[in-house]
N, C-alpha and C. Protein backbone atom coordinates (compact mmCIF):
# COMPACT_ATOMS: atom_id res chain seq x y z
N UNK A 1 -37.98 56.09 34.08
CA UNK A 1 -38.15 57.31 33.31
C UNK A 1 -39.08 57.02 32.15
N UNK A 2 -40.11 57.83 32.00
CA UNK A 2 -41.10 57.61 30.95
C UNK A 2 -40.55 58.00 29.59
N UNK A 3 -40.96 57.26 28.59
CA UNK A 3 -40.58 57.54 27.22
C UNK A 3 -41.72 58.31 26.56
N UNK A 4 -41.44 59.45 25.98
CA UNK A 4 -42.48 60.28 25.39
C UNK A 4 -42.45 60.30 23.87
N UNK A 5 -41.81 59.30 23.27
CA UNK A 5 -41.83 59.23 21.81
C UNK A 5 -43.15 58.62 21.37
N UNK A 6 -43.67 59.03 20.22
CA UNK A 6 -44.95 58.47 19.77
C UNK A 6 -44.83 56.99 19.42
N UNK A 7 -45.90 56.28 19.67
CA UNK A 7 -45.94 54.87 19.29
C UNK A 7 -46.00 54.77 17.78
N UNK A 8 -45.41 53.74 17.23
CA UNK A 8 -45.45 53.51 15.79
C UNK A 8 -46.86 53.10 15.42
N UNK A 9 -47.40 53.70 14.38
CA UNK A 9 -48.79 53.46 14.00
C UNK A 9 -48.89 52.38 12.95
N UNK A 10 -49.76 51.45 13.17
CA UNK A 10 -50.12 50.43 12.18
C UNK A 10 -51.61 50.20 12.30
N UNK A 11 -52.24 49.84 11.22
CA UNK A 11 -53.68 49.59 11.24
C UNK A 11 -53.96 48.18 10.81
N UNK A 12 -55.22 47.83 10.80
CA UNK A 12 -55.64 46.51 10.37
C UNK A 12 -56.70 46.63 9.31
N UNK A 13 -56.59 45.78 8.30
CA UNK A 13 -57.66 45.73 7.32
C UNK A 13 -58.68 44.72 7.80
N UNK A 14 -59.71 44.49 7.04
CA UNK A 14 -60.81 43.65 7.49
C UNK A 14 -60.39 42.20 7.71
N UNK A 15 -59.28 41.78 7.14
CA UNK A 15 -58.81 40.41 7.35
C UNK A 15 -57.89 40.31 8.55
N UNK A 16 -57.75 41.40 9.31
CA UNK A 16 -56.91 41.46 10.50
C UNK A 16 -55.44 41.26 10.19
N UNK A 17 -55.00 41.60 9.00
CA UNK A 17 -53.57 41.61 8.69
C UNK A 17 -53.10 43.05 8.85
N UNK A 18 -51.92 43.21 9.41
CA UNK A 18 -51.41 44.56 9.65
C UNK A 18 -51.16 45.28 8.34
N UNK A 19 -51.52 46.55 8.30
CA UNK A 19 -51.20 47.40 7.15
C UNK A 19 -50.56 48.66 7.71
N UNK A 20 -49.59 49.18 7.03
CA UNK A 20 -48.93 50.40 7.48
C UNK A 20 -49.71 51.61 7.02
N UNK A 21 -49.86 52.57 7.94
CA UNK A 21 -50.51 53.82 7.60
C UNK A 21 -49.43 54.86 7.40
N UNK A 22 -49.36 55.42 6.22
CA UNK A 22 -48.32 56.39 5.91
C UNK A 22 -48.72 57.75 6.44
N UNK A 23 -47.73 58.56 6.84
CA UNK A 23 -48.06 59.90 7.32
C UNK A 23 -48.69 60.72 6.19
N UNK A 24 -49.64 61.57 6.56
CA UNK A 24 -50.29 62.42 5.56
C UNK A 24 -49.31 63.47 5.06
N UNK A 25 -49.30 63.68 3.78
CA UNK A 25 -48.46 64.69 3.18
C UNK A 25 -49.36 65.86 2.77
N UNK A 26 -48.78 66.97 2.46
CA UNK A 26 -49.54 68.14 2.03
C UNK A 26 -50.39 67.77 0.82
N UNK A 27 -51.62 68.20 0.79
CA UNK A 27 -52.60 67.96 -0.27
C UNK A 27 -53.17 66.54 -0.26
N UNK A 28 -52.84 65.72 0.71
CA UNK A 28 -53.48 64.41 0.84
C UNK A 28 -54.71 64.55 1.73
N UNK A 29 -55.60 63.61 1.63
CA UNK A 29 -56.80 63.65 2.46
C UNK A 29 -56.78 62.47 3.41
N UNK A 30 -57.51 62.64 4.48
CA UNK A 30 -57.61 61.55 5.45
C UNK A 30 -58.70 60.60 4.99
N UNK A 31 -58.44 59.32 5.10
CA UNK A 31 -59.43 58.30 4.74
C UNK A 31 -60.23 57.95 5.98
N UNK A 32 -61.53 57.80 5.80
CA UNK A 32 -62.40 57.43 6.92
C UNK A 32 -62.83 55.98 6.75
N UNK A 33 -62.77 55.24 7.84
CA UNK A 33 -63.25 53.86 7.86
C UNK A 33 -64.22 53.75 9.02
N UNK A 34 -65.34 53.09 8.78
CA UNK A 34 -66.37 52.94 9.81
C UNK A 34 -66.55 51.47 10.13
N UNK A 35 -66.57 51.17 11.40
CA UNK A 35 -66.87 49.82 11.86
C UNK A 35 -68.18 49.89 12.65
N UNK A 36 -69.13 49.07 12.25
CA UNK A 36 -70.44 49.04 12.90
C UNK A 36 -70.58 47.73 13.65
N UNK A 37 -71.01 47.81 14.89
CA UNK A 37 -71.21 46.62 15.72
C UNK A 37 -72.67 46.62 16.18
N UNK A 38 -73.37 45.53 15.89
CA UNK A 38 -74.75 45.36 16.34
C UNK A 38 -74.78 44.25 17.37
N UNK A 39 -75.37 44.51 18.52
CA UNK A 39 -75.50 43.51 19.58
C UNK A 39 -76.98 43.29 19.82
N UNK A 40 -77.41 42.05 19.58
CA UNK A 40 -78.80 41.67 19.83
C UNK A 40 -78.88 41.10 21.25
N UNK A 41 -79.80 41.65 22.06
CA UNK A 41 -79.92 41.26 23.46
C UNK A 41 -81.20 40.47 23.71
N UNK A 42 -81.13 39.58 24.68
CA UNK A 42 -82.35 38.88 25.10
C UNK A 42 -83.10 39.80 26.08
N UNK A 43 -84.26 39.39 26.57
CA UNK A 43 -85.03 40.26 27.48
C UNK A 43 -84.27 40.66 28.76
N UNK A 44 -83.27 39.85 29.15
CA UNK A 44 -82.46 40.17 30.33
C UNK A 44 -81.21 40.98 29.99
N UNK A 45 -81.14 41.45 28.75
CA UNK A 45 -80.02 42.25 28.24
C UNK A 45 -78.71 41.47 28.21
N UNK A 46 -78.81 40.17 27.96
CA UNK A 46 -77.64 39.31 27.76
C UNK A 46 -77.44 39.19 26.24
N UNK A 47 -76.21 39.41 25.74
CA UNK A 47 -75.99 39.31 24.29
C UNK A 47 -76.33 37.92 23.74
N UNK A 48 -77.15 37.91 22.71
CA UNK A 48 -77.48 36.67 22.00
C UNK A 48 -76.72 36.58 20.68
N UNK A 49 -76.46 37.73 20.09
CA UNK A 49 -75.80 37.74 18.79
C UNK A 49 -74.99 39.04 18.66
N UNK A 50 -73.80 38.91 18.08
CA UNK A 50 -72.94 40.05 17.79
C UNK A 50 -72.63 40.01 16.30
N UNK A 51 -72.93 41.08 15.60
CA UNK A 51 -72.63 41.21 14.17
C UNK A 51 -71.82 42.48 13.97
N UNK A 52 -70.89 42.43 13.02
CA UNK A 52 -70.11 43.62 12.75
C UNK A 52 -69.85 43.74 11.25
N UNK A 53 -69.58 44.95 10.84
CA UNK A 53 -69.25 45.24 9.44
C UNK A 53 -68.25 46.40 9.42
N UNK A 54 -67.41 46.40 8.40
CA UNK A 54 -66.45 47.49 8.21
C UNK A 54 -66.65 48.08 6.83
N UNK A 55 -66.52 49.39 6.75
CA UNK A 55 -66.78 50.08 5.49
C UNK A 55 -65.75 49.78 4.40
N UNK A 56 -64.56 49.36 4.78
CA UNK A 56 -63.51 49.15 3.78
C UNK A 56 -63.34 47.69 3.38
N UNK A 57 -64.41 46.90 3.49
CA UNK A 57 -64.35 45.49 3.08
C UNK A 57 -65.07 45.29 1.76
N UNK A 58 -64.78 44.18 1.12
CA UNK A 58 -65.44 43.86 -0.14
C UNK A 58 -66.78 43.17 0.07
N UNK A 59 -67.00 42.64 1.26
CA UNK A 59 -68.25 41.94 1.53
C UNK A 59 -69.31 42.88 2.07
N UNK A 60 -70.53 42.67 1.65
CA UNK A 60 -71.63 43.49 2.15
C UNK A 60 -72.32 42.82 3.33
N UNK A 61 -72.01 41.54 3.55
CA UNK A 61 -72.63 40.80 4.64
C UNK A 61 -71.95 41.15 5.96
N UNK A 62 -72.76 41.24 7.01
CA UNK A 62 -72.19 41.45 8.33
C UNK A 62 -71.55 40.15 8.80
N UNK A 63 -70.47 40.28 9.55
CA UNK A 63 -69.75 39.15 10.10
C UNK A 63 -70.30 38.84 11.48
N UNK A 64 -70.42 37.54 11.79
CA UNK A 64 -70.90 37.14 13.11
C UNK A 64 -69.71 36.93 14.03
N UNK A 65 -69.91 37.19 15.30
CA UNK A 65 -68.89 36.95 16.32
C UNK A 65 -69.57 36.47 17.59
N UNK A 66 -68.87 35.65 18.33
CA UNK A 66 -69.39 35.20 19.62
C UNK A 66 -68.84 36.04 20.76
N UNK A 67 -67.77 36.77 20.52
CA UNK A 67 -67.19 37.60 21.56
C UNK A 67 -66.46 38.79 20.96
N UNK A 68 -66.29 39.82 21.78
CA UNK A 68 -65.54 41.00 21.35
C UNK A 68 -64.96 41.70 22.56
N UNK A 69 -63.82 42.31 22.37
CA UNK A 69 -63.19 43.16 23.36
C UNK A 69 -62.72 44.41 22.62
N UNK A 70 -63.20 45.54 23.06
CA UNK A 70 -62.88 46.80 22.41
C UNK A 70 -62.35 47.75 23.47
N UNK A 71 -61.23 48.39 23.19
CA UNK A 71 -60.63 49.29 24.17
C UNK A 71 -60.26 50.62 23.50
N UNK A 72 -60.45 51.69 24.24
CA UNK A 72 -60.06 53.04 23.82
C UNK A 72 -59.17 53.61 24.90
N UNK A 73 -58.15 54.34 24.50
CA UNK A 73 -57.27 54.99 25.46
C UNK A 73 -57.71 56.43 25.65
N UNK A 74 -58.05 56.80 26.86
CA UNK A 74 -58.42 58.17 27.22
C UNK A 74 -57.17 58.83 27.78
N UNK A 75 -56.50 59.63 26.96
CA UNK A 75 -55.23 60.21 27.38
C UNK A 75 -55.42 61.27 28.46
N UNK A 76 -56.58 61.92 28.51
CA UNK A 76 -56.83 62.91 29.55
C UNK A 76 -56.90 62.26 30.92
N UNK A 77 -57.62 61.13 31.01
CA UNK A 77 -57.76 60.42 32.28
C UNK A 77 -56.67 59.36 32.49
N UNK A 78 -55.88 59.12 31.44
CA UNK A 78 -54.86 58.07 31.48
C UNK A 78 -55.48 56.74 31.89
N UNK A 79 -56.56 56.38 31.21
CA UNK A 79 -57.24 55.13 31.52
C UNK A 79 -57.81 54.50 30.25
N UNK A 80 -57.98 53.19 30.31
CA UNK A 80 -58.56 52.44 29.20
C UNK A 80 -60.07 52.34 29.43
N UNK A 81 -60.82 52.63 28.39
CA UNK A 81 -62.26 52.45 28.41
C UNK A 81 -62.53 51.20 27.59
N UNK A 82 -63.25 50.23 28.17
CA UNK A 82 -63.39 48.94 27.51
C UNK A 82 -64.84 48.51 27.41
N UNK A 83 -65.09 47.73 26.35
CA UNK A 83 -66.36 47.04 26.17
C UNK A 83 -66.01 45.59 25.89
N UNK A 84 -66.36 44.71 26.81
CA UNK A 84 -66.13 43.27 26.66
C UNK A 84 -67.49 42.59 26.64
N UNK A 85 -67.80 41.94 25.53
CA UNK A 85 -69.08 41.25 25.38
C UNK A 85 -68.86 39.88 24.79
N UNK A 86 -69.70 38.93 25.19
CA UNK A 86 -69.71 37.62 24.57
C UNK A 86 -71.13 37.10 24.62
N UNK A 87 -71.46 36.28 23.63
CA UNK A 87 -72.81 35.73 23.56
C UNK A 87 -72.95 34.58 24.54
N UNK A 88 -74.20 34.30 24.90
CA UNK A 88 -74.43 33.24 25.88
C UNK A 88 -74.14 31.85 25.32
N UNK A 89 -73.96 31.73 24.00
CA UNK A 89 -73.61 30.42 23.45
C UNK A 89 -72.11 30.25 23.21
N UNK A 90 -71.29 31.20 23.67
CA UNK A 90 -69.84 31.05 23.55
C UNK A 90 -69.39 30.03 24.59
N UNK A 91 -68.70 29.02 24.13
CA UNK A 91 -68.23 27.94 25.00
C UNK A 91 -66.97 28.37 25.75
N UNK A 92 -66.73 27.74 26.90
CA UNK A 92 -65.56 28.06 27.71
C UNK A 92 -64.27 27.82 26.93
N UNK A 93 -64.19 26.72 26.15
CA UNK A 93 -62.98 26.47 25.38
C UNK A 93 -62.76 27.55 24.33
N UNK A 94 -63.84 28.09 23.76
CA UNK A 94 -63.72 29.19 22.80
C UNK A 94 -63.20 30.45 23.50
N UNK A 95 -63.65 30.69 24.74
CA UNK A 95 -63.18 31.86 25.49
C UNK A 95 -61.68 31.74 25.77
N UNK A 96 -61.22 30.53 26.11
CA UNK A 96 -59.79 30.33 26.32
C UNK A 96 -58.99 30.60 25.07
N UNK A 97 -59.45 30.08 23.93
CA UNK A 97 -58.78 30.34 22.64
C UNK A 97 -58.77 31.83 22.33
N UNK A 98 -59.92 32.47 22.55
CA UNK A 98 -60.08 33.89 22.28
C UNK A 98 -59.07 34.72 23.09
N UNK A 99 -58.96 34.44 24.39
CA UNK A 99 -58.04 35.20 25.23
C UNK A 99 -56.59 34.93 24.84
N UNK A 100 -56.27 33.68 24.55
CA UNK A 100 -54.91 33.36 24.13
C UNK A 100 -54.54 34.15 22.86
N UNK A 101 -55.42 34.12 21.88
CA UNK A 101 -55.14 34.83 20.63
C UNK A 101 -55.05 36.34 20.85
N UNK A 102 -55.91 36.89 21.72
CA UNK A 102 -55.84 38.33 22.01
C UNK A 102 -54.52 38.69 22.67
N UNK A 103 -54.08 37.87 23.63
CA UNK A 103 -52.81 38.16 24.29
C UNK A 103 -51.64 38.11 23.31
N UNK A 104 -51.66 37.13 22.41
CA UNK A 104 -50.58 37.03 21.42
C UNK A 104 -50.58 38.23 20.48
N UNK A 105 -51.75 38.63 20.01
CA UNK A 105 -51.79 39.77 19.08
C UNK A 105 -51.55 41.09 19.81
N UNK A 106 -51.93 41.19 21.09
CA UNK A 106 -51.60 42.40 21.85
C UNK A 106 -50.09 42.52 22.01
N UNK A 107 -49.41 41.39 22.21
CA UNK A 107 -47.95 41.42 22.30
C UNK A 107 -47.35 41.91 20.98
N UNK A 108 -47.86 41.41 19.85
CA UNK A 108 -47.38 41.87 18.54
C UNK A 108 -47.60 43.37 18.37
N UNK A 109 -48.78 43.83 18.75
CA UNK A 109 -49.10 45.26 18.63
C UNK A 109 -48.18 46.09 19.51
N UNK A 110 -47.95 45.64 20.74
CA UNK A 110 -47.06 46.34 21.66
C UNK A 110 -45.65 46.42 21.08
N UNK A 111 -45.18 45.34 20.48
CA UNK A 111 -43.85 45.33 19.89
C UNK A 111 -43.76 46.30 18.71
N UNK A 112 -44.78 46.29 17.84
CA UNK A 112 -44.76 47.22 16.69
C UNK A 112 -44.80 48.67 17.16
N UNK A 113 -45.57 48.94 18.22
CA UNK A 113 -45.73 50.32 18.68
C UNK A 113 -44.54 50.83 19.47
N UNK A 114 -43.87 49.94 20.22
CA UNK A 114 -42.83 50.39 21.14
C UNK A 114 -41.43 49.91 20.80
N UNK A 115 -41.33 48.90 19.92
CA UNK A 115 -40.05 48.27 19.58
C UNK A 115 -39.43 47.53 20.78
N UNK A 116 -40.22 47.20 21.77
CA UNK A 116 -39.76 46.49 22.96
C UNK A 116 -39.84 44.97 22.73
N UNK A 117 -38.85 44.44 22.02
CA UNK A 117 -38.88 43.02 21.65
C UNK A 117 -38.83 42.09 22.86
N UNK A 118 -38.03 42.41 23.86
CA UNK A 118 -37.92 41.54 25.04
C UNK A 118 -39.25 41.48 25.79
N UNK A 119 -39.91 42.60 25.96
CA UNK A 119 -41.21 42.61 26.64
C UNK A 119 -42.25 41.88 25.82
N UNK A 120 -42.19 42.01 24.52
CA UNK A 120 -43.12 41.28 23.65
C UNK A 120 -42.93 39.78 23.84
N UNK A 121 -41.70 39.33 23.84
CA UNK A 121 -41.42 37.91 24.03
C UNK A 121 -41.92 37.44 25.39
N UNK A 122 -41.75 38.26 26.42
CA UNK A 122 -42.23 37.90 27.75
C UNK A 122 -43.75 37.81 27.79
N UNK A 123 -44.42 38.73 27.10
CA UNK A 123 -45.89 38.69 27.03
C UNK A 123 -46.35 37.41 26.33
N UNK A 124 -45.66 37.04 25.27
CA UNK A 124 -46.03 35.82 24.54
C UNK A 124 -45.78 34.57 25.37
N UNK A 125 -44.70 34.55 26.14
CA UNK A 125 -44.44 33.40 27.02
C UNK A 125 -45.54 33.29 28.08
N UNK A 126 -45.96 34.43 28.63
CA UNK A 126 -47.06 34.41 29.59
C UNK A 126 -48.32 33.84 28.93
N UNK A 127 -48.63 34.31 27.71
CA UNK A 127 -49.83 33.84 27.01
C UNK A 127 -49.77 32.33 26.77
N UNK A 128 -48.59 31.83 26.39
CA UNK A 128 -48.45 30.39 26.17
C UNK A 128 -48.66 29.62 27.47
N UNK A 129 -48.10 30.11 28.56
CA UNK A 129 -48.29 29.47 29.86
C UNK A 129 -49.73 29.51 30.30
N UNK A 130 -50.38 30.65 30.09
CA UNK A 130 -51.80 30.79 30.41
C UNK A 130 -52.61 29.76 29.64
N UNK A 131 -52.35 29.62 28.35
CA UNK A 131 -53.13 28.71 27.51
C UNK A 131 -52.89 27.25 27.90
N UNK A 132 -51.64 26.93 28.23
CA UNK A 132 -51.33 25.57 28.67
C UNK A 132 -52.09 25.25 29.96
N UNK A 133 -52.08 26.17 30.93
CA UNK A 133 -52.82 25.97 32.18
C UNK A 133 -54.31 25.86 31.92
N UNK A 134 -54.80 26.66 30.99
CA UNK A 134 -56.23 26.60 30.64
C UNK A 134 -56.57 25.23 30.07
N UNK A 135 -55.76 24.77 29.12
CA UNK A 135 -56.01 23.45 28.52
C UNK A 135 -55.95 22.34 29.56
N UNK A 136 -54.97 22.42 30.46
CA UNK A 136 -54.86 21.42 31.52
C UNK A 136 -56.10 21.43 32.42
N UNK A 137 -56.60 22.62 32.73
CA UNK A 137 -57.79 22.71 33.59
C UNK A 137 -59.02 22.13 32.88
N UNK A 138 -59.07 22.29 31.56
CA UNK A 138 -60.19 21.72 30.80
C UNK A 138 -60.14 20.19 30.83
N UNK A 139 -58.94 19.63 30.68
CA UNK A 139 -58.77 18.18 30.72
C UNK A 139 -59.17 17.65 32.10
N UNK A 140 -58.71 18.32 33.15
CA UNK A 140 -59.05 17.91 34.51
C UNK A 140 -60.55 18.00 34.76
N UNK A 141 -61.16 19.07 34.31
CA UNK A 141 -62.61 19.24 34.48
C UNK A 141 -63.39 18.14 33.76
N UNK A 142 -62.95 17.80 32.55
CA UNK A 142 -63.64 16.73 31.79
C UNK A 142 -63.45 15.38 32.47
N UNK A 143 -62.27 15.15 33.01
CA UNK A 143 -62.00 13.87 33.67
C UNK A 143 -62.82 13.71 34.94
N UNK A 144 -63.09 14.82 35.62
CA UNK A 144 -63.87 14.78 36.86
C UNK A 144 -65.37 14.81 36.60
N UNK A 145 -65.73 14.98 35.33
CA UNK A 145 -67.13 14.89 34.92
C UNK A 145 -67.97 15.98 35.36
């Protein structure tokens, strides 16, 4: 049976620490935050550089990233729209770390939104197992030269 209660809302500041968004009250205004992502491509349209900036940060400098995963939920189509990009200089070990950290933080987000602690714990156990297998495969690959 599907649950139709709204997910609990939390946001992130530029340091990626969770911040609570309070419900708007009468006579309050909505705050707008803008995130800009610039992707520099080589002649073959392969990402060489990813830079991003957020309007609610204290720094004026754009932040560099080697990879990004961005997802939007389309409730009309009931599907996720995604943009997954990484630069050609992102190392395989960095990709493994990146995915492990994303899975762990997705589990945290899922728990905050749904209060499903058992499922969150299961997601984290999967992420830990995934990362262990990834690390083991890296050791084996290095040993085989």
